[in-house]
Amino acid sequence: SGVISGLVNRGDVVFSDQLNHASIVDG
């Protein structure tokens, strides 16, 4: 959650596998 929210913000996009862990989704 800390790394993803620290690297991207509004105006950015995250491409995430549908079965990724909940911590990735929440990030």
mmCIF file of all heavy atoms, coordinates in Angstrom:
data_MODEL
# 
_entry.id   MODEL 
# 
loop_
_atom_site.group_PDB 
_atom_site.id 
_atom_site.type_symbol 
_atom_site.label_atom_id 
_atom_site.label_alt_id 
_atom_site.label_comp_id 
_atom_site.label_asym_id 
_atom_site.label_entity_id 
_atom_site.label_seq_id 
_atom_site.pdbx_PDB_ins_code 
_atom_site.Cartn_x 
_atom_site.Cartn_y 
_atom_site.Cartn_z 
_atom_site.occupancy 
_atom_site.B_iso_or_equiv 
_atom_site.pdbx_formal_charge 
_atom_site.auth_seq_id 
_atom_site.auth_comp_id 
_atom_site.auth_asym_id 
_atom_site.auth_atom_id 
_atom_site.pdbx_PDB_model_num 
ATOM 1   N N   . SER A 1 1  ? 0.828   -1.204  0.000   1.00 0.00 ? 1  SER A N   1 
ATOM 2   C CA  . SER A 1 1  ? 0.000   0.000   0.000   1.00 0.00 ? 1  SER A CA  1 
ATOM 3   C C   . SER A 1 1  ? 0.863   1.255   0.000   1.00 0.00 ? 1  SER A C   1 
ATOM 4   O O   . SER A 1 1  ? 0.535   2.252   -0.660  1.00 0.00 ? 1  SER A O   1 
ATOM 5   C CB  . SER A 1 1  ? -0.954  0.001   1.205   1.00 0.00 ? 1  SER A CB  1 
ATOM 6   O OG  . SER A 1 1  ? -0.232  -0.029  2.426   1.00 0.00 ? 1  SER A OG  1 
ATOM 7   N N   . GLY A 1 2  ? 1.993   1.215   0.697   1.00 0.00 ? 2  GLY A N   1 
ATOM 8   C CA  . GLY A 1 2  ? 2.855   2.388   0.776   1.00 0.00 ? 2  GLY A CA  1 
ATOM 9   C C   . GLY A 1 2  ? 3.624   2.658   -0.498  1.00 0.00 ? 2  GLY A C   1 
ATOM 10  O O   . GLY A 1 2  ? 3.750   3.812   -0.931  1.00 0.00 ? 2  GLY A O   1 
ATOM 11  N N   . VAL A 1 3  ? 4.112   1.610   -1.143  1.00 0.00 ? 3  VAL A N   1 
ATOM 12  C CA  . VAL A 1 3  ? 4.902   1.788   -2.359  1.00 0.00 ? 3  VAL A CA  1 
ATOM 13  C C   . VAL A 1 3  ? 4.025   2.267   -3.513  1.00 0.00 ? 3  VAL A C   1 
ATOM 14  O O   . VAL A 1 3  ? 4.362   3.225   -4.222  1.00 0.00 ? 3  VAL A O   1 
ATOM 15  C CB  . VAL A 1 3  ? 5.624   0.481   -2.736  1.00 0.00 ? 3  VAL A CB  1 
ATOM 16  C CG1 . VAL A 1 3  ? 6.242   0.584   -4.115  1.00 0.00 ? 3  VAL A CG1 1 
ATOM 17  C CG2 . VAL A 1 3  ? 6.691   0.163   -1.698  1.00 0.00 ? 3  VAL A CG2 1 
ATOM 18  N N   . ILE A 1 4  ? 2.887   1.604   -3.708  1.00 0.00 ? 4  ILE A N   1 
ATOM 19  C CA  . ILE A 1 4  ? 2.029   1.975   -4.832  1.00 0.00 ? 4  ILE A CA  1 
ATOM 20  C C   . ILE A 1 4  ? 1.505   3.396   -4.670  1.00 0.00 ? 4  ILE A C   1 
ATOM 21  O O   . ILE A 1 4  ? 1.567   4.211   -5.605  1.00 0.00 ? 4  ILE A O   1 
ATOM 22  C CB  . ILE A 1 4  ? 0.868   0.973   -4.974  1.00 0.00 ? 4  ILE A CB  1 
ATOM 23  C CG1 . ILE A 1 4  ? 1.424   -0.397  -5.356  1.00 0.00 ? 4  ILE A CG1 1 
ATOM 24  C CG2 . ILE A 1 4  ? -0.144  1.453   -6.018  1.00 0.00 ? 4  ILE A CG2 1 
ATOM 25  C CD1 . ILE A 1 4  ? 0.396   -1.523  -5.314  1.00 0.00 ? 4  ILE A CD1 1 
ATOM 26  N N   . SER A 1 5  ? 1.022   3.726   -3.473  1.00 0.00 ? 5  SER A N   1 
ATOM 27  C CA  . SER A 1 5  ? 0.506   5.082   -3.263  1.00 0.00 ? 5  SER A CA  1 
ATOM 28  C C   . SER A 1 5  ? 1.618   6.120   -3.252  1.00 0.00 ? 5  SER A C   1 
ATOM 29  O O   . SER A 1 5  ? 1.358   7.311   -3.468  1.00 0.00 ? 5  SER A O   1 
ATOM 30  C CB  . SER A 1 5  ? -0.285  5.148   -1.950  1.00 0.00 ? 5  SER A CB  1 
ATOM 31  O OG  . SER A 1 5  ? 0.540   4.825   -0.844  1.00 0.00 ? 5  SER A OG  1 
ATOM 32  N N   . GLY A 1 6  ? 2.864   5.684   -3.030  1.00 0.00 ? 6  GLY A N   1 
ATOM 33  C CA  . GLY A 1 6  ? 3.984   6.615   -3.073  1.00 0.00 ? 6  GLY A CA  1 
ATOM 34  C C   . GLY A 1 6  ? 4.508   6.873   -4.471  1.00 0.00 ? 6  GLY A C   1 
ATOM 35  O O   . GLY A 1 6  ? 5.139   7.897   -4.732  1.00 0.00 ? 6  GLY A O   1 
ATOM 36  N N   . LEU A 1 7  ? 4.232   5.940   -5.395  1.00 0.00 ? 7  LEU A N   1 
ATOM 37  C CA  . LEU A 1 7  ? 4.774   6.065   -6.750  1.00 0.00 ? 7  LEU A CA  1 
ATOM 38  C C   . LEU A 1 7  ? 3.805   6.696   -7.743  1.00 0.00 ? 7  LEU A C   1 
ATOM 39  O O   . LEU A 1 7  ? 4.233   7.316   -8.716  1.00 0.00 ? 7  LEU A O   1 
ATOM 40  C CB  . LEU A 1 7  ? 5.185   4.682   -7.268  1.00 0.00 ? 7  LEU A CB  1 
ATOM 41  C CG  . LEU A 1 7  ? 6.436   4.062   -6.658  1.00 0.00 ? 7  LEU A CG  1 
ATOM 42  C CD1 . LEU A 1 7  ? 6.638   2.655   -7.200  1.00 0.00 ? 7  LEU A CD1 1 
ATOM 43  C CD2 . LEU A 1 7  ? 7.666   4.913   -6.933  1.00 0.00 ? 7  LEU A CD2 1 
ATOM 44  N N   . VAL A 1 8  ? 2.503   6.468   -7.548  1.00 0.00 ? 8  VAL A N   1 
ATOM 45  C CA  . VAL A 1 8  ? 1.520   6.974   -8.506  1.00 0.00 ? 8  VAL A CA  1 
ATOM 46  C C   . VAL A 1 8  ? 0.440   7.753   -7.778  1.00 0.00 ? 8  VAL A C   1 
ATOM 47  O O   . VAL A 1 8  ? 0.205   7.583   -6.580  1.00 0.00 ? 8  VAL A O   1 
ATOM 48  C CB  . VAL A 1 8  ? 0.886   5.832   -9.330  1.00 0.00 ? 8  VAL A CB  1 
ATOM 49  C CG1 . VAL A 1 8  ? 1.916   5.191   -10.249 1.00 0.00 ? 8  VAL A CG1 1 
ATOM 50  C CG2 . VAL A 1 8  ? 0.260   4.782   -8.413  1.00 0.00 ? 8  VAL A CG2 1 
ATOM 51  N N   . ASN A 1 9  ? -0.250  8.600   -8.543  1.00 0.00 ? 9  ASN A N   1 
ATOM 52  C CA  . ASN A 1 9  ? -1.278  9.464   -7.965  1.00 0.00 ? 9  ASN A CA  1 
ATOM 53  C C   . ASN A 1 9  ? -2.302  9.758   -9.045  1.00 0.00 ? 9  ASN A C   1 
ATOM 54  O O   . ASN A 1 9  ? -2.323  9.112   -10.093 1.00 0.00 ? 9  ASN A O   1 
ATOM 55  C CB  . ASN A 1 9  ? -0.631  10.747  -7.425  1.00 0.00 ? 9  ASN A CB  1 
ATOM 56  C CG  . ASN A 1 9  ? -1.403  11.349  -6.270  1.00 0.00 ? 9  ASN A CG  1 
ATOM 57  O OD1 . ASN A 1 9  ? -2.589  11.607  -6.379  1.00 0.00 ? 9  ASN A OD1 1 
ATOM 58  N ND2 . ASN A 1 9  ? -0.712  11.582  -5.155  1.00 0.00 ? 9  ASN A ND2 1 
ATOM 59  N N   . ARG A 1 10 ? -3.110  10.783  -8.813  1.00 0.00 ? 10 ARG A N   1 
ATOM 60  C CA  . ARG A 1 10 ? -4.065  11.200  -9.841  1.00 0.00 ? 10 ARG A CA  1 
ATOM 61  C C   . ARG A 1 10 ? -3.313  11.531  -11.134 1.00 0.00 ? 10 ARG A C   1 
ATOM 62  O O   . ARG A 1 10 ? -2.254  12.138  -11.109 1.00 0.00 ? 10 ARG A O   1 
ATOM 63  C CB  . ARG A 1 10 ? -4.844  12.422  -9.374  1.00 0.00 ? 10 ARG A CB  1 
ATOM 64  C CG  . ARG A 1 10 ? -5.879  12.141  -8.296  1.00 0.00 ? 10 ARG A CG  1 
ATOM 65  C CD  . ARG A 1 10 ? -6.791  13.341  -8.094  1.00 0.00 ? 10 ARG A CD  1 
ATOM 66  N NE  . ARG A 1 10 ? -7.795  13.085  -7.076  1.00 0.00 ? 10 ARG A NE  1 
ATOM 67  C CZ  . ARG A 1 10 ? -7.698  13.445  -5.802  1.00 0.00 ? 10 ARG A CZ  1 
ATOM 68  N NH1 . ARG A 1 10 ? -6.628  14.112  -5.401  1.00 0.00 ? 10 ARG A NH1 1 
ATOM 69  N NH2 . ARG A 1 10 ? -8.651  13.173  -4.942  1.00 0.00 ? 10 ARG A NH2 1 
ATOM 70  N N   . GLY A 1 11 ? -3.901  11.128  -12.247 1.00 0.00 ? 11 GLY A N   1 
ATOM 71  C CA  . GLY A 1 11 ? -3.246  11.334  -13.529 1.00 0.00 ? 11 GLY A CA  1 
ATOM 72  C C   . GLY A 1 11 ? -2.385  10.172  -13.965 1.00 0.00 ? 11 GLY A C   1 
ATOM 73  O O   . GLY A 1 11 ? -1.888  10.148  -15.094 1.00 0.00 ? 11 GLY A O   1 
ATOM 74  N N   . ASP A 1 12 ? -2.188  9.176   -13.070 1.00 0.00 ? 12 ASP A N   1 
ATOM 75  C CA  . ASP A 1 12 ? -1.393  7.997   -13.377 1.00 0.00 ? 12 ASP A CA  1 
ATOM 76  C C   . ASP A 1 12 ? -2.313  6.784   -13.503 1.00 0.00 ? 12 ASP A C   1 
ATOM 77  O O   . ASP A 1 12 ? -3.523  6.864   -13.249 1.00 0.00 ? 12 ASP A O   1 
ATOM 78  C CB  . ASP A 1 12 ? -0.352  7.757   -12.287 1.00 0.00 ? 12 ASP A CB  1 
ATOM 79  C CG  . ASP A 1 12 ? 0.557   8.960   -12.073 1.00 0.00 ? 12 ASP A CG  1 
ATOM 80  O OD1 . ASP A 1 12 ? 0.857   9.641   -13.070 1.00 0.00 ? 12 ASP A OD1 1 
ATOM 81  O OD2 . ASP A 1 12 ? 0.958   9.221   -10.918 1.00 0.00 ? 12 ASP A OD2 1 
ATOM 82  N N   . VAL A 1 13 ? -1.749  5.636   -13.856 1.00 0.00 ? 13 VAL A N   1 
ATOM 83  C CA  . VAL A 1 13 ? -2.548  4.420   -14.002 1.00 0.00 ? 13 VAL A CA  1 
ATOM 84  C C   . VAL A 1 13 ? -1.740  3.228   -13.514 1.00 0.00 ? 13 VAL A C   1 
ATOM 85  O O   . VAL A 1 13 ? -0.532  3.141   -13.732 1.00 0.00 ? 13 VAL A O   1 
ATOM 86  C CB  . VAL A 1 13 ? -3.008  4.223   -15.470 1.00 0.00 ? 13 VAL A CB  1 
ATOM 87  C CG1 . VAL A 1 13 ? -1.815  4.179   -16.419 1.00 0.00 ? 13 VAL A CG1 1 
ATOM 88  C CG2 . VAL A 1 13 ? -3.868  2.971   -15.618 1.00 0.00 ? 13 VAL A CG2 1 
ATOM 89  N N   . VAL A 1 14 ? -2.443  2.312   -12.840 1.00 0.00 ? 14 VAL A N   1 
ATOM 90  C CA  . VAL A 1 14 ? -1.844  1.055   -12.381 1.00 0.00 ? 14 VAL A CA  1 
ATOM 91  C C   . VAL A 1 14 ? -2.531  -0.093  -13.097 1.00 0.00 ? 14 VAL A C   1 
ATOM 92  O O   . VAL A 1 14 ? -3.763  -0.199  -13.093 1.00 0.00 ? 14 VAL A O   1 
ATOM 93  C CB  . VAL A 1 14 ? -1.988  0.873   -10.862 1.00 0.00 ? 14 VAL A CB  1 
ATOM 94  C CG1 . VAL A 1 14 ? -1.342  -0.445  -10.428 1.00 0.00 ? 14 VAL A CG1 1 
ATOM 95  C CG2 . VAL A 1 14 ? -1.374  2.039   -10.110 1.00 0.00 ? 14 VAL A CG2 1 
ATOM 96  N N   . PHE A 1 15 ? -1.735  -0.962  -13.710 1.00 0.00 ? 15 PHE A N   1 
ATOM 97  C CA  . PHE A 1 15 ? -2.234  -2.152  -14.385 1.00 0.00 ? 15 PHE A CA  1 
ATOM 98  C C   . PHE A 1 15 ? -2.001  -3.335  -13.447 1.00 0.00 ? 15 PHE A C   1 
ATOM 99  O O   . PHE A 1 15 ? -0.856  -3.685  -13.154 1.00 0.00 ? 15 PHE A O   1 
ATOM 100 C CB  . PHE A 1 15 ? -1.516  -2.355  -15.710 1.00 0.00 ? 15 PHE A CB  1 
ATOM 101 C CG  . PHE A 1 15 ? -1.634  -1.171  -16.638 1.00 0.00 ? 15 PHE A CG  1 
ATOM 102 C CD1 . PHE A 1 15 ? -0.677  -0.165  -16.611 1.00 0.00 ? 15 PHE A CD1 1 
ATOM 103 C CD2 . PHE A 1 15 ? -2.700  -1.053  -17.506 1.00 0.00 ? 15 PHE A CD2 1 
ATOM 104 C CE1 . PHE A 1 15 ? -0.777  0.941   -17.446 1.00 0.00 ? 15 PHE A CE1 1 
ATOM 105 C CE2 . PHE A 1 15 ? -2.817  0.049   -18.339 1.00 0.00 ? 15 PHE A CE2 1 
ATOM 106 C CZ  . PHE A 1 15 ? -1.859  1.046   -18.313 1.00 0.00 ? 15 PHE A CZ  1 
ATOM 107 N N   . SER A 1 16 ? -3.085  -3.925  -12.982 1.00 0.00 ? 16 SER A N   1 
ATOM 108 C CA  . SER A 1 16 ? -3.007  -4.920  -11.921 1.00 0.00 ? 16 SER A CA  1 
ATOM 109 C C   . SER A 1 16 ? -3.762  -6.185  -12.307 1.00 0.00 ? 16 SER A C   1 
ATOM 110 O O   . SER A 1 16 ? -4.903  -6.115  -12.787 1.00 0.00 ? 16 SER A O   1 
ATOM 111 C CB  . SER A 1 16 ? -3.596  -4.327  -10.629 1.00 0.00 ? 16 SER A CB  1 
ATOM 112 O OG  . SER A 1 16 ? -3.672  -5.291  -9.605  1.00 0.00 ? 16 SER A OG  1 
ATOM 113 N N   . ASP A 1 17 ? -3.129  -7.346  -12.121 1.00 0.00 ? 17 ASP A N   1 
ATOM 114 C CA  . ASP A 1 17 ? -3.789  -8.617  -12.369 1.00 0.00 ? 17 ASP A CA  1 
ATOM 115 C C   . ASP A 1 17 ? -5.034  -8.745  -11.479 1.00 0.00 ? 17 ASP A C   1 
ATOM 116 O O   . ASP A 1 17 ? -5.015  -8.368  -10.314 1.00 0.00 ? 17 ASP A O   1 
ATOM 117 C CB  . ASP A 1 17 ? -2.819  -9.774  -12.078 1.00 0.00 ? 17 ASP A CB  1 
ATOM 118 C CG  . ASP A 1 17 ? -3.339  -11.116 -12.549 1.00 0.00 ? 17 ASP A CG  1 
ATOM 119 O OD1 . ASP A 1 17 ? -4.310  -11.622 -11.965 1.00 0.00 ? 17 ASP A OD1 1 
ATOM 120 O OD2 . ASP A 1 17 ? -2.767  -11.667 -13.514 1.00 0.00 ? 17 ASP A OD2 1 
ATOM 121 N N   . GLN A 1 18 ? -6.108  -9.290  -12.027 1.00 0.00 ? 18 GLN A N   1 
ATOM 122 C CA  . GLN A 1 18 ? -7.353  -9.393  -11.279 1.00 0.00 ? 18 GLN A CA  1 
ATOM 123 C C   . GLN A 1 18 ? -7.247  -10.257 -10.030 1.00 0.00 ? 18 GLN A C   1 
ATOM 124 O O   . GLN A 1 18 ? -8.060  -10.120 -9.121  1.00 0.00 ? 18 GLN A O   1 
ATOM 125 C CB  . GLN A 1 18 ? -8.469  -9.940  -12.183 1.00 0.00 ? 18 GLN A CB  1 
ATOM 126 C CG  . GLN A 1 18 ? -9.034  -8.907  -13.146 1.00 0.00 ? 18 GLN A CG  1 
ATOM 127 C CD  . GLN A 1 18 ? -10.234 -9.441  -13.912 1.00 0.00 ? 18 GLN A CD  1 
ATOM 128 O OE1 . GLN A 1 18 ? -10.344 -10.649 -14.153 1.00 0.00 ? 18 GLN A OE1 1 
ATOM 129 N NE2 . GLN A 1 18 ? -11.131 -8.556  -14.311 1.00 0.00 ? 18 GLN A NE2 1 
ATOM 130 N N   . LEU A 1 19 ? -6.262  -11.136 -9.967  1.00 0.00 ? 19 LEU A N   1 
ATOM 131 C CA  . LEU A 1 19 ? -6.116  -12.002 -8.794  1.00 0.00 ? 19 LEU A CA  1 
ATOM 132 C C   . LEU A 1 19 ? -5.001  -11.535 -7.865  1.00 0.00 ? 19 LEU A C   1 
ATOM 133 O O   . LEU A 1 19 ? -4.590  -12.281 -6.963  1.00 0.00 ? 19 LEU A O   1 
ATOM 134 C CB  . LEU A 1 19 ? -5.873  -13.448 -9.233  1.00 0.00 ? 19 LEU A CB  1 
ATOM 135 C CG  . LEU A 1 19 ? -7.022  -14.122 -9.989  1.00 0.00 ? 19 LEU A CG  1 
ATOM 136 C CD1 . LEU A 1 19 ? -6.724  -15.612 -10.185 1.00 0.00 ? 19 LEU A CD1 1 
ATOM 137 C CD2 . LEU A 1 19 ? -8.355  -13.942 -9.273  1.00 0.00 ? 19 LEU A CD2 1 
ATOM 138 N N   . ASN A 1 20 ? -4.517  -10.312 -8.037  1.00 0.00 ? 20 ASN A N   1 
ATOM 139 C CA  . ASN A 1 20 ? -3.505  -9.786  -7.128  1.00 0.00 ? 20 ASN A CA  1 
ATOM 140 C C   . ASN A 1 20 ? -4.037  -9.700  -5.699  1.00 0.00 ? 20 ASN A C   1 
ATOM 141 O O   . ASN A 1 20 ? -5.241  -9.573  -5.466  1.00 0.00 ? 20 ASN A O   1 
ATOM 142 C CB  . ASN A 1 20 ? -3.052  -8.393  -7.580  1.00 0.00 ? 20 ASN A CB  1 
ATOM 143 C CG  . ASN A 1 20 ? -1.978  -8.425  -8.625  1.00 0.00 ? 20 ASN A CG  1 
ATOM 144 O OD1 . ASN A 1 20 ? -1.291  -9.436  -8.806  1.00 0.00 ? 20 ASN A OD1 1 
ATOM 145 N ND2 . ASN A 1 20 ? -1.791  -7.326  -9.326  1.00 0.00 ? 20 ASN A ND2 1 
ATOM 146 N N   . HIS A 1 21 ? -3.114  -9.717  -4.766  1.00 0.00 ? 21 HIS A N   1 
ATOM 147 C CA  . HIS A 1 21 ? -3.455  -9.666  -3.343  1.00 0.00 ? 21 HIS A CA  1 
ATOM 148 C C   . HIS A 1 21 ? -4.188  -8.375  -2.987  1.00 0.00 ? 21 HIS A C   1 
ATOM 149 O O   . HIS A 1 21 ? -4.003  -7.334  -3.625  1.00 0.00 ? 21 HIS A O   1 
ATOM 150 C CB  . HIS A 1 21 ? -2.175  -9.782  -2.502  1.00 0.00 ? 21 HIS A CB  1 
ATOM 151 C CG  . HIS A 1 21 ? -2.428  -10.017 -1.061  1.00 0.00 ? 21 HIS A CG  1 
ATOM 152 N ND1 . HIS A 1 21 ? -2.473  -8.989  -0.136  1.00 0.00 ? 21 HIS A ND1 1 
ATOM 153 C CD2 . HIS A 1 21 ? -2.660  -11.163 -0.363  1.00 0.00 ? 21 HIS A CD2 1 
ATOM 154 C CE1 . HIS A 1 21 ? -2.709  -9.493  1.059   1.00 0.00 ? 21 HIS A CE1 1 
ATOM 155 N NE2 . HIS A 1 21 ? -2.820  -10.808 0.958   1.00 0.00 ? 21 HIS A NE2 1 
ATOM 156 N N   . ALA A 1 22 ? -5.021  -8.457  -1.945  1.00 0.00 ? 22 ALA A N   1 
ATOM 157 C CA  . ALA A 1 22 ? -5.817  -7.306  -1.515  1.00 0.00 ? 22 ALA A CA  1 
ATOM 158 C C   . ALA A 1 22 ? -4.955  -6.098  -1.156  1.00 0.00 ? 22 ALA A C   1 
ATOM 159 O O   . ALA A 1 22 ? -5.393  -4.950  -1.324  1.00 0.00 ? 22 ALA A O   1 
ATOM 160 C CB  . ALA A 1 22 ? -6.685  -7.698  -0.317  1.00 0.00 ? 22 ALA A CB  1 
ATOM 161 N N   . SER A 1 23 ? -3.748  -6.325  -0.677  1.00 0.00 ? 23 SER A N   1 
ATOM 162 C CA  . SER A 1 23 ? -2.873  -5.205  -0.308  1.00 0.00 ? 23 SER A CA  1 
ATOM 163 C C   . SER A 1 23 ? -2.478  -4.398  -1.540  1.00 0.00 ? 23 SER A C   1 
ATOM 164 O O   . SER A 1 23 ? -2.276  -3.178  -1.454  1.00 0.00 ? 23 SER A O   1 
ATOM 165 C CB  . SER A 1 23 ? -1.623  -5.714  0.407   1.00 0.00 ? 23 SER A CB  1 
ATOM 166 O OG  . SER A 1 23 ? -0.908  -6.636  -0.408  1.00 0.00 ? 23 SER A OG  1 
ATOM 167 N N   . ILE A 1 24 ? -2.370  -5.057  -2.680  1.00 0.00 ? 24 ILE A N   1 
ATOM 168 C CA  . ILE A 1 24 ? -2.081  -4.350  -3.927  1.00 0.00 ? 24 ILE A CA  1 
ATOM 169 C C   . ILE A 1 24 ? -3.301  -3.544  -4.351  1.00 0.00 ? 24 ILE A C   1 
ATOM 170 O O   . ILE A 1 24 ? -3.190  -2.366  -4.717  1.00 0.00 ? 24 ILE A O   1 
ATOM 171 C CB  . ILE A 1 24 ? -1.673  -5.346  -5.029  1.00 0.00 ? 24 ILE A CB  1 
ATOM 172 C CG1 . ILE A 1 24 ? -0.324  -5.996  -4.676  1.00 0.00 ? 24 ILE A CG1 1 
ATOM 173 C CG2 . ILE A 1 24 ? -1.604  -4.663  -6.393  1.00 0.00 ? 24 ILE A CG2 1 
ATOM 174 C CD1 . ILE A 1 24 ? 0.089   -7.110  -5.619  1.00 0.00 ? 24 ILE A CD1 1 
ATOM 175 N N   . VAL A 1 25 ? -4.467  -4.162  -4.289  1.00 0.00 ? 25 VAL A N   1 
ATOM 176 C CA  . VAL A 1 25 ? -5.710  -3.474  -4.649  1.00 0.00 ? 25 VAL A CA  1 
ATOM 177 C C   . VAL A 1 25 ? -5.897  -2.230  -3.783  1.00 0.00 ? 25 VAL A C   1 
ATOM 178 O O   . VAL A 1 25 ? -6.206  -1.138  -4.282  1.00 0.00 ? 25 VAL A O   1 
ATOM 179 C CB  . VAL A 1 25 ? -6.910  -4.423  -4.498  1.00 0.00 ? 25 VAL A CB  1 
ATOM 180 C CG1 . VAL A 1 25 ? -8.218  -3.682  -4.764  1.00 0.00 ? 25 VAL A CG1 1 
ATOM 181 C CG2 . VAL A 1 25 ? -6.776  -5.613  -5.442  1.00 0.00 ? 25 VAL A CG2 1 
ATOM 182 N N   . ASP A 1 26 ? -5.701  -2.380  -2.492  1.00 0.00 ? 26 ASP A N   1 
ATOM 183 C CA  . ASP A 1 26 ? -5.889  -1.246  -1.588  1.00 0.00 ? 26 ASP A CA  1 
ATOM 184 C C   . ASP A 1 26 ? -4.841  -0.169  -1.815  1.00 0.00 ? 26 ASP A C   1 
ATOM 185 O O   . ASP A 1 26 ? -5.112  1.025   -1.649  1.00 0.00 ? 26 ASP A O   1 
ATOM 186 C CB  . ASP A 1 26 ? -5.867  -1.719  -0.138  1.00 0.00 ? 26 ASP A CB  1 
ATOM 187 C CG  . ASP A 1 26 ? -7.108  -2.516  0.223   1.00 0.00 ? 26 ASP A CG  1 
ATOM 188 O OD1 . ASP A 1 26 ? -8.005  -2.646  -0.634  1.00 0.00 ? 26 ASP A OD1 1 
ATOM 189 O OD2 . ASP A 1 26 ? -7.193  -3.019  1.356   1.00 0.00 ? 26 ASP A OD2 1 
ATOM 190 N N   . GLY A 1 27 ? -3.621  -0.576  -2.189  1.00 0.00 ? 27 GLY A N   1 
ATOM 191 C CA  . GLY A 1 27 ? -2.595  0.409   -2.515  1.00 0.00 ? 27 GLY A CA  1 
ATOM 192 C C   . GLY A 1 27 ? -2.993  1.261   -3.702  1.00 0.00 ? 27 GLY A C   1 
ATOM 193 O O   . GLY A 1 27 ? -2.766  2.489   -3.720  1.00 0.00 ? 27 GLY A O   1 
# 
